């Protein structure tokens, strides 16, 4: 599609240039539509075009000045079904088409315009409208007056049910308009199928009326990936709090105006690269976006990572005497600024280290027995449950993950720095298979009107090989005391586990919280634990993990009766 679009634009541009060379001007097709409207709308389309599908073949600053001066108007060509097929600009006096920028690709047109602008141009809402002109003048006066005297406070509401309630009440009173015109119900229905947010600005300062809403607007969530100056609301902004009070009941208006009940959503900047500094999982990431100018694309990420501890066994960082160093490759699907990890593969090497904290040790010695290979991977699917109510409540997405460590060498007795006969355990091998399901927590109404992120639940299977050994000074090899030492299957213990968690990657505070239950069927013991990671603006935070083993009498010599670790996190984005 992209190649055909490039060929088409090239031929189209060549044709325009040829026509200009022959006649001295680019003549418009007879069925083209010349849009003669206010410069502010033309400028908005230009700035969005310059942001979404930029071209190097024109002087943006020069064209911007001509638009502001009213010398340039929009050129819109539609097919028989009123779909926009060409979007560009013409000289207002000569009506000659300006050859660049011109967009003819359907995807680029939709991404450039967004829902509201596309509807305006498809349905001729740009024609002279005295009501809209008068409303615009009033809004401009209000903006200047309020901005000159007051500070602003704002928040964004993302609860779909509450947004639908507000929209329905405003629609019933014909308050939802687009450029001053009452919009039909089919447009409102299409809008409500989007990921809609309500943007609220409230008055602040020491004056009468500061408890009221100053401004309310509905936005497609993708608009928050654009600069504020070029965002386009789905309906005209509502500036009259008296109008809102009259048409919304007291409870709805109070909920709308209660800043403390809603999260402030901070538009995220998807940095290409970052360095994560953390004790248990440091990482350096380098990202490469594909060449697409669309808002939907894939992003490839390459990283070097470290890993200290194996949480699903559990052996948390401070209690582990080995590290993993390796590389990873990720694929992210990015849709209108929202990232979703769809694929990951990683490989590394495990090796022994001296633990920096040795005040809390397992009941018996736990050593690293040699270098190993570490592998991991993940594949994600979007589950097809949209039309099955019960299943759609349970899960939206599914991740299948695996990881494992496999020892490739065995240390000789002289490598252990021991003198006397010593018993010890060593983690030789493990494998981990996990299914992880995601469900929007807001869909489950765990906390009304509060965005908790995704509810996650996982089930996993974890075979572990942690045999007991004997170091004997006069022996040339370490003695394996496992009664099933020669049986590659019976030497494993099999751990089953389940997790329940909440994950959120947007907003001022991001979090990842999990509680887990591990069950070793063979040894008849369990671990109950929890982990929490919190980040502020995705820049700084902490992680803490804890687990308790029960019953203590069944725990193995390598395992502690409890684990508790904590680490600060610092992320450097560049």
Protein backbone atom coordinates (compact mmCIF):
# COMPACT_ATOMS: atom_id res chain seq x y z
CA UNK A 1 0.00 0.00 0.00
CA UNK A 2 2.75 2.40 0.90
CA UNK A 3 4.65 1.71 -2.34
CA UNK A 4 1.52 2.23 -4.43
CA UNK A 5 0.84 5.49 -2.57
CA UNK A 6 4.37 6.75 -3.26
CA UNK A 7 4.05 5.85 -6.96
CA UNK A 8 0.64 7.53 -7.15
CA UNK A 9 1.84 10.73 -5.49
CA UNK A 10 4.92 10.79 -7.72
CA UNK A 11 2.80 10.43 -10.89
CA UNK A 12 0.28 12.95 -9.56
CA UNK A 13 3.01 15.49 -8.76
CA UNK A 14 4.66 14.93 -12.15
CA UNK A 15 1.30 15.49 -13.83
CA UNK A 16 0.78 18.75 -11.92
CA UNK A 17 4.26 19.94 -12.77
CA UNK A 18 3.71 19.07 -16.44
CA UNK A 19 0.43 20.92 -16.48
CA UNK A 20 2.03 23.93 -14.83
CA UNK A 21 4.82 23.94 -17.39
CA UNK A 22 2.34 23.83 -20.26
CA UNK A 23 -0.26 26.31 -19.05
CA UNK A 24 1.50 28.33 -16.37
CA UNK A 25 -0.93 27.17 -13.65
CA UNK A 26 -2.24 23.93 -12.17
CA UNK A 27 -5.89 23.69 -13.16
CA UNK A 28 -8.35 22.00 -10.82
CA UNK A 29 -10.58 19.09 -11.77
CA UNK A 30 -14.14 20.08 -12.49
CA UNK A 31 -15.47 17.91 -9.67
CA UNK A 32 -13.04 19.30 -7.08
CA UNK A 33 -14.38 21.28 -4.14
CA UNK A 34 -12.84 24.63 -3.27
CA UNK A 35 -13.28 25.22 0.45
CA UNK A 36 -13.58 28.91 1.20
CA UNK A 37 -13.57 29.32 4.98
CA UNK A 38 -11.79 31.00 7.88
CA UNK A 39 -7.97 30.82 7.97
CA UNK A 40 -7.97 29.20 11.42
CA UNK A 41 -9.41 25.96 10.03
CA UNK A 42 -7.03 25.98 7.06
CA UNK A 43 -4.11 26.56 9.43
CA UNK A 44 -5.24 23.71 11.70
CA UNK A 45 -5.35 21.28 8.77
CA UNK A 46 -1.94 22.47 7.58
CA UNK A 47 -0.30 22.10 10.99
CA UNK A 48 -1.73 18.61 11.43
CA UNK A 49 -0.62 17.69 7.92
CA UNK A 50 2.84 19.07 8.62
CA UNK A 51 2.94 17.01 11.84
CA UNK A 52 1.51 13.72 10.55
CA UNK A 53 2.71 13.49 6.95
CA UNK A 54 5.46 16.08 6.52
CA UNK A 55 7.15 16.71 3.18
CA UNK A 56 10.45 18.41 2.45
CA UNK A 57 9.31 19.79 -0.91
CA UNK A 58 7.81 23.03 0.35
CA UNK A 59 8.69 25.95 2.61
CA UNK A 60 6.47 25.35 5.63
CA UNK A 61 7.05 28.75 7.21
CA UNK A 62 6.23 30.60 3.99
CA UNK A 63 3.04 28.64 3.43
CA UNK A 64 2.05 29.11 7.08
CA UNK A 65 2.31 32.91 6.72
CA UNK A 66 0.22 32.87 3.53
CA UNK A 67 -2.49 30.86 5.31
CA UNK A 68 -2.53 33.26 8.26
CA UNK A 69 -2.84 36.18 5.83
CA UNK A 70 -5.86 34.54 4.20
CA UNK A 71 -4.10 33.96 0.85
CA UNK A 72 -4.49 30.16 0.88
CA UNK A 73 -7.59 28.00 1.20
CA UNK A 74 -8.25 24.26 1.39
CA UNK A 75 -8.67 22.01 -1.62
CA UNK A 76 -10.82 18.93 -0.95
CA UNK A 77 -11.75 16.32 -3.54
CA UNK A 78 -14.35 13.69 -2.67
CA UNK A 79 -15.58 10.56 -4.40
CA UNK A 80 -19.20 9.62 -5.07
CA UNK A 81 -19.61 8.44 -1.47
CA UNK A 82 -18.26 11.71 -0.06
CA UNK A 83 -15.02 10.10 1.05
CA UNK A 84 -12.09 12.49 0.84
CA UNK A 85 -9.59 11.29 -1.78
CA UNK A 86 -7.36 14.36 -2.10
CA UNK A 87 -6.45 17.02 0.42
CA UNK A 88 -4.33 20.04 -0.41
CA UNK A 89 -4.20 23.84 -0.68
CA UNK A 90 -4.96 26.41 -3.38
CA UNK A 91 -4.09 30.02 -3.95
CA UNK A 92 -7.21 31.97 -3.01
CA UNK A 93 -6.89 34.48 -5.86
CA UNK A 94 -5.86 32.26 -8.78
CA UNK A 95 -7.33 29.00 -7.45
CA UNK A 96 -4.18 27.23 -8.62
CA UNK A 97 -3.42 24.07 -6.69
CA UNK A 98 -0.25 24.27 -4.61
CA UNK A 99 1.53 21.07 -5.60
CA UNK A 100 2.89 20.27 -2.14
CA UNK A 101 1.75 19.31 0.42
CA UNK A 102 -0.93 17.11 -1.14
CA UNK A 103 -2.25 13.93 0.49
CA UNK A 104 -4.03 11.22 -1.50
CA UNK A 105 -3.48 8.17 0.71
CA UNK A 106 -6.63 7.25 2.64
CA UNK A 107 -4.70 6.31 5.80
CA UNK A 108 -2.71 9.55 5.83
CA UNK A 109 -5.88 11.61 5.30
CA UNK A 110 -7.65 9.95 8.24
CA UNK A 111 -4.62 10.25 10.52
CA UNK A 112 -4.08 13.88 9.53
CA UNK A 113 -7.64 15.04 10.02
CA UNK A 114 -8.87 12.91 12.89
CA UNK A 115 -12.55 12.10 13.40
CA UNK A 116 -13.95 15.61 13.86
CA UNK A 117 -12.04 17.38 11.09
CA UNK A 118 -12.79 14.61 8.62
CA UNK A 119 -16.49 14.90 9.43
CA UNK A 120 -16.39 18.69 9.05
CA UNK A 121 -14.87 18.50 5.59
CA UNK A 122 -16.97 15.54 4.41
CA UNK A 123 -20.22 17.23 5.42
CA UNK A 124 -19.47 20.81 4.41
CA UNK A 125 -19.47 22.14 7.97
CA UNK A 126 -16.91 24.71 6.92
CA UNK A 127 -19.39 26.98 5.14
CA UNK A 128 -20.26 30.37 6.59
CA UNK A 129 -21.99 29.88 9.91
CA UNK A 130 -22.96 32.98 11.85
CA UNK A 131 -23.75 31.00 14.97
CA UNK A 132 -20.27 29.48 14.97
CA UNK A 133 -18.65 32.86 14.29
CA UNK A 134 -20.45 34.46 17.21
CA UNK A 135 -19.64 31.54 19.53
CA UNK A 136 -15.98 31.76 18.50
CA UNK A 137 -15.84 35.47 19.31
CA UNK A 138 -17.35 34.87 22.76
CA UNK A 139 -14.93 32.01 23.45
CA UNK A 140 -11.94 34.14 22.41
CA UNK A 141 -13.02 36.94 24.74
CA UNK A 142 -13.53 34.49 27.60
CA UNK A 143 -10.14 32.90 26.96
CA UNK A 144 -8.30 36.22 27.04
CA UNK A 145 -10.19 37.46 30.10
CA UNK A 146 -9.78 34.30 32.17
CA UNK A 147 -6.20 33.65 31.09
CA UNK A 148 -5.22 37.14 32.14
CA UNK A 149 -6.56 36.76 35.68
CA UNK A 150 -6.57 33.14 36.70
CA UNK A 151 -4.39 30.06 36.82
CA UNK A 152 -5.70 26.84 35.31
CA UNK A 153 -6.20 23.42 36.79
CA UNK A 154 -7.11 20.50 34.55
CA UNK A 155 -7.73 16.78 34.58
CA UNK A 156 -8.81 14.12 32.14
CA UNK A 157 -11.64 11.63 32.67
CA UNK A 158 -11.33 8.22 31.08
CA UNK A 159 -14.25 6.28 32.57
CA UNK A 160 -16.24 5.11 29.53
CA UNK A 161 -19.58 4.70 31.31
CA UNK A 162 -19.42 8.14 32.93
CA UNK A 163 -18.38 9.75 29.63
CA UNK A 164 -21.32 8.08 27.88
CA UNK A 165 -23.65 9.35 30.62
CA UNK A 166 -22.42 12.95 30.22
CA UNK A 167 -22.59 12.76 26.41
CA UNK A 168 -26.12 11.36 26.46
CA UNK A 169 -27.42 14.14 28.71
CA UNK A 170 -25.75 16.86 26.64
CA UNK A 171 -26.96 15.30 23.39
CA UNK A 172 -30.56 15.25 24.62
CA UNK A 173 -30.40 19.03 25.05
CA UNK A 174 -28.68 19.65 21.68
CA UNK A 175 -25.53 20.94 23.39
CA UNK A 176 -23.11 18.66 21.52
CA UNK A 177 -22.28 20.66 18.40
CA UNK A 178 -19.60 20.84 15.75
CA UNK A 179 -18.71 24.30 14.44
CA UNK A 180 -21.95 25.57 15.92
CA UNK A 181 -24.16 22.97 14.26
CA UNK A 182 -26.14 20.22 15.93
CA UNK A 183 -24.50 16.96 14.95
CA UNK A 184 -26.60 13.93 13.99
CA UNK A 185 -26.87 10.91 16.25
CA UNK A 186 -24.89 8.65 13.88
CA UNK A 187 -21.82 10.88 14.31
CA UNK A 188 -22.20 10.81 18.09
CA UNK A 189 -22.57 7.03 17.95
CA UNK A 190 -19.37 6.72 15.90
CA UNK A 191 -17.55 9.02 18.32
CA UNK A 192 -18.55 6.99 21.35
CA UNK A 193 -17.00 3.90 19.75
CA UNK A 194 -13.62 5.64 19.99
CA UNK A 195 -11.36 5.78 23.03
CA UNK A 196 -12.92 9.03 24.26
CA UNK A 197 -11.62 11.23 27.07
CA UNK A 198 -13.24 14.27 28.68
CA UNK A 199 -10.85 17.14 29.25
CA UNK A 200 -11.87 19.43 32.12
CA UNK A 201 -10.41 22.79 33.08
CA UNK A 202 -11.51 24.30 36.35
CA UNK A 203 -11.17 27.85 37.56
CA UNK A 204 -8.65 28.45 40.32
CA UNK A 205 -7.68 31.47 42.36
CA UNK A 206 -9.23 33.56 45.10
CA UNK A 207 -12.41 34.83 43.51
CA UNK A 208 -16.10 34.04 43.42
CA UNK A 209 -16.97 31.14 41.16
CA UNK A 210 -13.63 29.32 41.32
CA UNK A 211 -15.44 26.09 42.21
CA UNK A 212 -16.93 25.87 38.72
CA UNK A 213 -15.77 24.26 35.49
CA UNK A 214 -14.28 26.75 33.07
CA UNK A 215 -14.00 24.52 30.02
CA UNK A 216 -15.07 21.01 28.95
CA UNK A 217 -14.13 19.15 25.76
CA UNK A 218 -14.38 15.61 24.37
CA UNK A 219 -11.23 14.23 22.72
CA UNK A 220 -10.16 11.08 21.01
CA UNK A 221 -7.32 9.75 23.16
CA UNK A 222 -4.94 9.85 20.17
CA UNK A 223 -5.21 13.67 20.11
CA UNK A 224 -3.09 13.80 23.28
CA UNK A 225 -0.13 12.58 21.23
CA UNK A 226 -0.25 15.88 19.32
CA UNK A 227 0.81 19.32 20.46
CA UNK A 228 -1.94 21.14 22.35
CA UNK A 229 -2.20 23.84 19.68
CA UNK A 230 -3.30 21.39 16.97
CA UNK A 231 -5.58 19.07 18.93
CA UNK A 232 -9.13 18.90 17.60
CA UNK A 233 -12.00 18.13 20.00
CA UNK A 234 -14.73 15.78 18.83
CA UNK A 235 -17.35 18.45 19.56
CA UNK A 236 -17.20 22.19 20.12
CA UNK A 237 -15.75 23.03 23.52
CA UNK A 238 -18.29 23.96 26.19
CA UNK A 239 -17.36 27.12 28.09
CA UNK A 240 -20.54 27.83 30.04
CA UNK A 241 -20.66 26.20 33.47
CA UNK A 242 -24.23 27.46 33.92
CA UNK A 243 -25.21 25.50 30.81
CA UNK A 244 -23.54 22.38 32.21
CA UNK A 245 -25.24 22.85 35.58
CA UNK A 246 -28.62 23.28 33.96
CA UNK A 247 -28.40 20.21 31.72
CA UNK A 248 -26.52 17.83 34.05
CA UNK A 249 -28.00 16.84 37.36
CA UNK A 250 -26.24 17.97 40.52
CA UNK A 251 -24.59 14.61 41.16
CA UNK A 252 -23.17 14.33 37.62
CA UNK A 253 -21.88 17.91 37.62
CA UNK A 254 -20.29 17.47 41.06
CA UNK A 255 -18.60 14.26 39.92
CA UNK A 256 -17.36 16.00 36.79
CA UNK A 257 -15.98 18.92 38.81
CA UNK A 258 -14.36 16.80 41.52
CA UNK A 259 -10.70 16.87 40.56
CA UNK A 260 -9.67 14.52 43.39
CA UNK A 261 -11.82 11.73 41.96
CA UNK A 262 -10.06 11.71 38.61
CA UNK A 263 -6.55 10.99 37.49
CA UNK A 264 -4.53 13.63 35.65
CA UNK A 265 -3.45 11.87 32.47
CA UNK A 266 -0.08 13.10 31.30
CA UNK A 267 0.45 12.65 27.54
CA UNK A 268 3.34 10.24 27.27
CA UNK A 269 6.46 10.92 25.28
CA UNK A 270 7.66 7.66 23.82
CA UNK A 271 11.39 8.17 24.08
CA UNK A 272 13.44 6.17 21.61
CA UNK A 273 16.10 5.17 24.11
CA UNK A 274 16.43 4.86 27.87
CA UNK A 275 18.65 3.51 30.59
CA UNK A 276 16.98 1.78 33.52
CA UNK A 277 19.10 1.71 36.65
CA UNK A 278 17.80 -0.89 39.12
CA UNK A 279 19.35 -3.57 41.30
CA UNK A 280 17.34 -6.52 39.99
CA UNK A 281 16.65 -5.73 36.32
CA UNK A 282 18.84 -2.98 34.81
CA UNK A 283 18.52 -2.40 31.07
CA UNK A 284 19.75 -0.15 28.24
CA UNK A 285 17.23 0.15 25.40
CA UNK A 286 17.56 1.48 21.85
CA UNK A 287 14.38 1.80 19.79
CA UNK A 288 13.86 2.15 16.05
CA UNK A 289 10.50 3.21 14.63
CA UNK A 290 9.63 2.06 11.13
CA UNK A 291 9.35 4.60 8.32
CA UNK A 292 5.56 4.90 8.41
CA UNK A 293 4.12 8.36 9.02
CA UNK A 294 0.86 6.81 10.22
CA UNK A 295 -0.16 6.80 13.86
CA UNK A 296 -0.26 2.99 13.76
CA UNK A 297 3.12 1.38 13.34
CA UNK A 298 5.57 -1.07 14.85
CA UNK A 299 8.64 -0.21 16.88
CA UNK A 300 11.68 -2.44 17.23
CA UNK A 301 13.67 -2.26 20.46
CA UNK A 302 17.11 -3.72 21.12
CA UNK A 303 18.52 -3.88 24.62
CA UNK A 304 21.27 -5.13 26.87
CA UNK A 305 19.91 -6.33 30.21
CA UNK A 306 20.87 -7.69 33.58
CA UNK A 307 18.88 -10.00 35.82
CA UNK A 308 19.45 -10.77 39.49
CA UNK A 309 17.17 -13.39 40.94
CA UNK A 310 14.47 -15.73 39.64
CA UNK A 311 11.15 -14.57 41.03
CA UNK A 312 8.99 -17.56 40.10
CA UNK A 313 11.04 -20.09 42.13
CA UNK A 314 11.24 -17.78 44.23
CA UNK A 315 14.85 -16.70 44.68
CA UNK A 316 14.86 -12.88 44.90
CA UNK A 317 17.85 -10.74 44.05
CA UNK A 318 19.72 -10.30 47.33
CA UNK A 319 19.45 -14.04 48.00
CA UNK A 320 20.86 -15.17 44.65
CA UNK A 321 24.56 -15.78 44.07
CA UNK A 322 24.41 -15.52 40.30
CA UNK A 323 23.67 -12.88 37.67
CA UNK A 324 22.41 -13.02 34.11
CA UNK A 325 23.74 -10.66 31.44
CA UNK A 326 22.26 -10.73 27.97
CA UNK A 327 20.49 -9.06 25.07
CA UNK A 328 16.82 -8.71 24.14
CA UNK A 329 14.78 -7.88 21.06
CA UNK A 330 11.25 -6.44 21.40
CA UNK A 331 8.48 -5.61 18.95
CA UNK A 332 5.90 -3.03 20.03
CA UNK A 333 2.63 -2.34 18.23
CA UNK A 334 1.94 1.39 18.52
CA UNK A 335 -1.60 2.56 17.83
CA UNK A 336 -2.18 6.29 18.16
CA UNK A 337 0.59 6.64 20.72
CA UNK A 338 -0.42 3.64 22.85
CA UNK A 339 2.32 1.01 23.00
CA UNK A 340 1.71 -2.73 23.43
CA UNK A 341 4.53 -5.23 23.62
CA UNK A 342 3.66 -7.98 21.13
CA UNK A 343 6.88 -10.00 20.95
CA UNK A 344 10.09 -10.44 22.92
CA UNK A 345 13.07 -12.77 22.67
CA UNK A 346 16.18 -12.70 24.84
CA UNK A 347 19.33 -14.69 25.55
CA UNK A 348 22.13 -14.35 28.05
CA UNK A 349 24.76 -16.01 30.20
CA UNK A 350 24.43 -16.80 33.92
CA UNK A 351 27.53 -16.74 36.11
CA UNK A 352 28.38 -16.71 39.79
CA UNK A 353 28.91 -13.62 41.95
CA UNK A 354 29.53 -12.94 45.61
CA UNK A 355 26.39 -11.73 47.34
CA UNK A 356 26.81 -8.22 48.80
CA UNK A 357 24.35 -8.92 51.64
CA UNK A 358 25.05 -12.06 53.66
CA UNK A 359 23.36 -11.31 57.00
CA UNK A 360 20.38 -13.47 55.99
CA UNK A 361 21.35 -16.83 54.54
CA UNK A 362 19.41 -19.99 53.75
CA UNK A 363 19.69 -22.81 56.31
CA UNK A 364 22.33 -24.55 54.17
CA UNK A 365 24.95 -23.43 51.65
CA UNK A 366 23.67 -22.29 48.25
CA UNK A 367 26.40 -21.85 45.61
CA UNK A 368 26.69 -21.21 41.92
CA UNK A 369 28.01 -24.38 40.24
CA UNK A 370 29.04 -23.02 36.85
CA UNK A 371 28.21 -20.95 33.81
CA UNK A 372 24.81 -21.41 32.18
CA UNK A 373 22.70 -20.24 29.25
CA UNK A 374 19.59 -18.14 29.91
CA UNK A 375 16.71 -17.89 27.39
CA UNK A 376 13.39 -16.05 27.48
CA UNK A 377 10.56 -15.08 25.15
CA UNK A 378 7.00 -13.75 24.95
CA UNK A 379 4.26 -13.66 22.33
CA UNK A 380 1.04 -11.65 22.75
CA UNK A 381 -2.43 -12.07 21.23
CA UNK A 382 -5.56 -9.96 21.31
CA UNK A 383 -8.34 -12.35 22.25
CA UNK A 384 -11.42 -12.47 19.94
CA UNK A 385 -13.99 -12.15 22.74
CA UNK A 386 -15.52 -8.76 21.85
CA UNK A 387 -18.89 -10.31 21.00
CA UNK A 388 -18.94 -12.80 23.89
CA UNK A 389 -19.97 -10.83 26.96
CA UNK A 390 -18.81 -13.23 29.68
CA UNK A 391 -15.42 -13.98 28.11
CA UNK A 392 -14.85 -10.32 27.22
CA UNK A 393 -15.20 -9.47 30.92
CA UNK A 394 -12.53 -12.04 31.80
CA UNK A 395 -9.72 -11.25 29.35
CA UNK A 396 -8.82 -8.90 26.49
CA UNK A 397 -5.25 -10.01 25.74
CA UNK A 398 -3.11 -13.08 26.33
CA UNK A 399 0.66 -13.34 26.69
CA UNK A 400 2.50 -16.62 26.42
CA UNK A 401 5.92 -16.42 28.06
CA UNK A 402 8.80 -18.77 28.66
CA UNK A 403 12.20 -18.56 30.31
CA UNK A 404 14.85 -21.00 31.43
CA UNK A 405 18.39 -21.48 32.61
CA UNK A 406 20.51 -24.44 31.57
CA UNK A 407 23.95 -25.04 33.06
CA UNK A 408 26.68 -25.75 30.52
CA UNK A 409 29.62 -26.42 32.86
CA UNK A 410 30.32 -27.82 36.32
CA UNK A 411 32.94 -26.21 38.50
CA UNK A 412 35.84 -28.33 39.67
CA UNK A 413 36.47 -28.73 43.42
CA UNK A 414 39.35 -26.26 43.24
CA UNK A 415 36.98 -23.52 41.99
CA UNK A 416 34.98 -23.36 45.24
CA UNK A 417 37.67 -21.99 47.57
CA UNK A 418 36.75 -24.58 50.21
CA UNK A 419 39.03 -26.59 52.52
CA UNK A 420 36.73 -28.81 54.56
CA UNK A 421 34.00 -31.20 53.54
CA UNK A 422 30.97 -29.07 52.70
CA UNK A 423 27.40 -29.79 51.68
CA UNK A 424 25.72 -27.28 49.38
CA UNK A 425 22.85 -26.77 46.93
CA UNK A 426 23.10 -25.31 43.44
CA UNK A 427 20.52 -24.17 40.87
CA UNK A 428 21.50 -26.16 37.79
CA UNK A 429 18.48 -25.83 35.53
CA UNK A 430 14.96 -24.50 35.44
CA UNK A 431 12.24 -23.86 32.88
CA UNK A 432 9.22 -21.62 33.16
CA UNK A 433 6.01 -21.54 31.09
CA UNK A 434 3.37 -18.91 31.78
CA UNK A 435 0.00 -17.77 30.44
CA UNK A 436 -0.87 -14.19 31.38
CA UNK A 437 -4.29 -12.64 30.76
CA UNK A 438 -5.09 -8.90 30.69
CA UNK A 439 -8.45 -7.31 31.46
CA UNK A 440 -9.17 -3.59 31.72
CA UNK A 441 -9.72 -2.94 35.42
CA UNK A 442 -12.12 -0.10 34.62
CA UNK A 443 -14.37 -2.63 32.85
CA UNK A 444 -14.61 -4.65 36.06
CA UNK A 445 -15.50 -1.58 38.18
CA UNK A 446 -13.08 -2.47 40.96
CA UNK A 447 -12.98 1.18 41.97
CA UNK A 448 -15.61 3.37 40.27
CA UNK A 449 -14.25 6.21 38.11
CA UNK A 450 -10.62 5.39 38.95
CA UNK A 451 -8.26 4.12 36.27
CA UNK A 452 -6.33 1.24 37.82
CA UNK A 453 -4.88 0.05 34.54
CA UNK A 454 -5.04 -3.60 33.51
CA UNK A 455 -6.09 -6.43 35.76
CA UNK A 456 -3.75 -9.37 35.12
CA UNK A 457 -3.92 -12.98 36.14
CA UNK A 458 -1.40 -15.67 35.35
CA UNK A 459 -0.88 -19.37 35.70
CA UNK A 460 2.51 -21.00 35.33
CA UNK A 461 4.56 -24.18 35.54
CA UNK A 462 8.14 -24.15 36.72
CA UNK A 463 10.34 -27.31 36.81
CA UNK A 464 13.48 -26.66 38.89
CA UNK A 465 16.66 -28.69 39.30
CA UNK A 466 18.36 -27.75 42.59
CA UNK A 467 20.32 -30.82 43.71
CA UNK A 468 22.41 -31.24 46.84
CA UNK A 469 26.17 -31.75 46.47
CA UNK A 470 29.14 -32.68 48.61
CA UNK A 471 32.55 -31.11 48.36
CA UNK A 472 35.14 -33.60 49.60
CA UNK A 473 38.76 -32.35 49.71
CA UNK A 474 40.25 -35.61 48.51
CA UNK A 475 37.81 -36.19 45.67
CA UNK A 476 38.55 -35.06 42.12
CA UNK A 477 34.88 -34.21 41.42
CA UNK A 478 31.91 -32.80 43.28
CA UNK A 479 29.60 -35.58 44.51
CA UNK A 480 25.95 -35.36 43.41
CA UNK A 481 23.74 -36.51 46.33
CA UNK A 482 20.48 -36.44 44.38
CA UNK A 483 19.04 -39.98 44.39
CA UNK A 484 17.74 -39.34 40.85
CA UNK A 485 21.03 -37.88 39.60
CA UNK A 486 21.03 -40.02 36.45
CA UNK A 487 17.36 -39.45 35.57
CA UNK A 488 16.91 -36.17 33.73
CA UNK A 489 13.18 -35.98 34.57
CA UNK A 490 12.92 -37.27 38.13
CA UNK A 491 15.65 -34.94 39.35
CA UNK A 492 13.29 -31.95 38.87
CA UNK A 493 10.83 -30.50 41.37
CA UNK A 494 7.67 -29.12 39.75
CA UNK A 495 6.28 -25.81 40.93
CA UNK A 496 2.83 -24.56 39.94
CA UNK A 497 1.95 -20.95 40.56
CA UNK A 498 -0.79 -18.37 40.11
CA UNK A 499 -0.63 -14.57 40.12
CA UNK A 500 -3.13 -11.72 40.33
CA UNK A 501 -2.06 -8.17 39.61
CA UNK A 502 -2.70 -4.62 38.44
CA UNK A 503 -0.53 -2.87 35.85
CA UNK A 504 -0.70 0.73 34.70
CA UNK A 505 1.80 2.49 32.43
CA UNK A 506 0.14 5.93 31.99
CA UNK A 507 -0.46 8.92 34.22
CA UNK A 508 1.72 10.60 36.80
CA UNK A 509 2.19 7.37 38.77
CA UNK A 510 2.76 4.06 37.01
CA UNK A 511 2.49 0.83 38.93
CA UNK A 512 2.85 -2.92 38.67
CA UNK A 513 1.45 -4.87 41.62
CA UNK A 514 1.19 -8.65 41.94
CA UNK A 515 0.31 -11.20 44.58
CA UNK A 516 1.39 -14.76 43.91
CA UNK A 517 1.03 -18.29 45.23
CA UNK A 518 3.69 -20.97 44.53
CA UNK A 519 2.99 -24.65 45.21
CA UNK A 520 5.66 -27.36 45.22
CA UNK A 521 3.60 -30.52 44.96
CA UNK A 522 6.56 -32.84 45.52
CA UNK A 523 8.04 -31.17 48.60
CA UNK A 524 4.63 -30.16 50.05
CA UNK A 525 5.39 -26.47 50.67
CA UNK A 526 4.01 -23.18 49.38
CA UNK A 527 5.14 -19.58 49.05
CA UNK A 528 2.76 -16.66 49.35
CA UNK A 529 4.13 -13.30 48.31
CA UNK A 530 3.70 -9.94 46.62
CA UNK A 531 5.68 -7.49 44.53
CA UNK A 532 5.18 -3.79 43.86
CA UNK A 533 6.89 -1.45 41.43
CA UNK A 534 5.96 2.24 41.30
CA UNK A 535 7.33 4.96 39.03
CA UNK A 536 6.81 8.71 39.07
CA UNK A 537 6.45 10.14 35.54
CA UNK A 538 8.30 7.01 34.38
CA UNK A 539 11.50 8.61 35.68
CA UNK A 540 12.11 7.49 39.28
CA UNK A 541 10.59 4.98 41.63
CA UNK A 542 11.16 1.79 43.57
CA UNK A 543 10.36 -1.91 43.63
CA UNK A 544 9.80 -4.17 46.61
CA UNK A 545 9.24 -7.93 46.77
CA UNK A 546 8.34 -10.19 49.67
CA UNK A 547 7.44 -13.85 50.16
CA UNK A 548 6.78 -16.25 53.05
CA UNK A 549 7.27 -20.03 52.87
CA UNK A 550 4.90 -22.43 54.65
CA UNK A 551 5.09 -24.84 56.35
CA UNK A 552 8.62 -24.03 57.37
CA UNK A 553 9.46 -27.66 58.22
CA UNK A 554 9.02 -28.73 54.56
CA UNK A 555 11.25 -26.04 53.06
CA UNK A 556 14.47 -27.21 51.45
CA UNK A 557 17.94 -26.30 52.70
CA UNK A 558 18.47 -23.79 49.89
CA UNK A 559 15.22 -21.87 50.55
CA UNK A 560 14.60 -19.15 53.11
CA UNK A 561 11.46 -19.08 55.21
CA UNK A 562 10.92 -15.51 54.04
CA UNK A 563 12.29 -13.12 51.40
CA UNK A 564 12.28 -9.32 51.41
CA UNK A 565 14.12 -7.15 48.89
CA UNK A 566 13.85 -3.50 47.85
CA UNK A 567 15.58 -1.40 45.20
CA UNK A 568 15.34 2.18 43.94
CA UNK A 569 14.79 2.72 40.20
CA UNK A 570 16.05 5.57 38.04
CA UNK A 571 15.26 5.82 34.34
CA UNK A 572 17.21 8.13 32.04
CA UNK A 573 15.30 8.84 28.81
CA UNK A 574 17.12 10.18 25.77
